[in-house]
Amino acid sequence: TADSSSEECMPEADPFDCERIQRETFVARVHYQPQMSSTSDVALELVAEGFDESSLLVLAGQQSAGRGRGANRWWSAGGGLTFTLVLSGSQSGLPQECWPRFSLHVALAAGETLSAYAPGTPVGLKWPNDVFLGRRKACGILLEVPPAQPDCLVIGIGLNVNNSLEGGPTEIRQTATSLVDETGLEHDRTDVLIRLLQELEREVNRVVAGEAALADRWRPLCLVRGRTITHRAATREVTGRCLGVAEDGSLLLETPAGVSPLYGGTLAAVEGLTLAR
């Protein structure tokens, strides 16, 4: 049921129909607030208080301090979709050895969702956790495992829906976009969220069934495959030609020394692609 500790999520007063979300998806509990600093921070607090369900959705009408990977921040304005999904590893059946690469599955789910609402705009994936509409970012993903609750996978997602980037900060206008910017239409955020959660459930089921096919499914969508890239991990940078994504989720980089799999880190530069800073 919708979390009674949060404000009621009424369709006529708020943008989300929480009862419908639970009815049409696998989510066991919804915790909704019209305003929130960070859905991931709130999710981690709720998990620390005790988590014995299969899944928990923490949903914000708008958040003010969304987190990205590392020190990055996710810009969100009214009309965006910002939420965190907590999965119980033991109850979902999702093997923990698959968690390090599950962000790539989340990206596939977000890509399918964006394609459904913006069929005329090509969807691309930038390893490991960004989803693009055309040449601009429309969705960011952050996965965490709380040290004190190692059975919980915390999946934070920010997806630009009705928050036009025309009103965004100057530094991201050239690197980010939204569904409303690409289609000229406003979309029901409950519809978009339900579609994304259903796609996420399909990804979980694929992994559990041993049918991930990660490399094959990423190949046609990978924005960096065939491009010269610079990968940064800690204080080390390496530049080479990207050959795509391997089945274990690593990025394959070709340099004069040979082909190496890359795990973690970030892409500091991609040939022909302007990246947000």
Foldseek 3Di string as FASTA:
>chain_A
DEDPVEDDDDVVVALADVVVLVVLFVAPYEYEYQEEAEQLVVVVVVVVVPDDDQKYKYWYQWHNFYDAPDRDTDDTDHQKTKMKMKGFCVNLVQDPLLQLQCLQLLLVLLQVLLCVLQVPWAWADEPPFFIDGHQATFKGWDWDADPVHNRMIMIIMIGAAPPACVPPDPLRSVHHGHSCRRPVDHDRVNVSVSSSSVSSSVCSVCNSVVNNCSQVSNVVRYPQAQWWWWWDDDHDIDIAHWNGADPSGFTWGQDPVGIDTHGDTDIPDTPPHDDRD
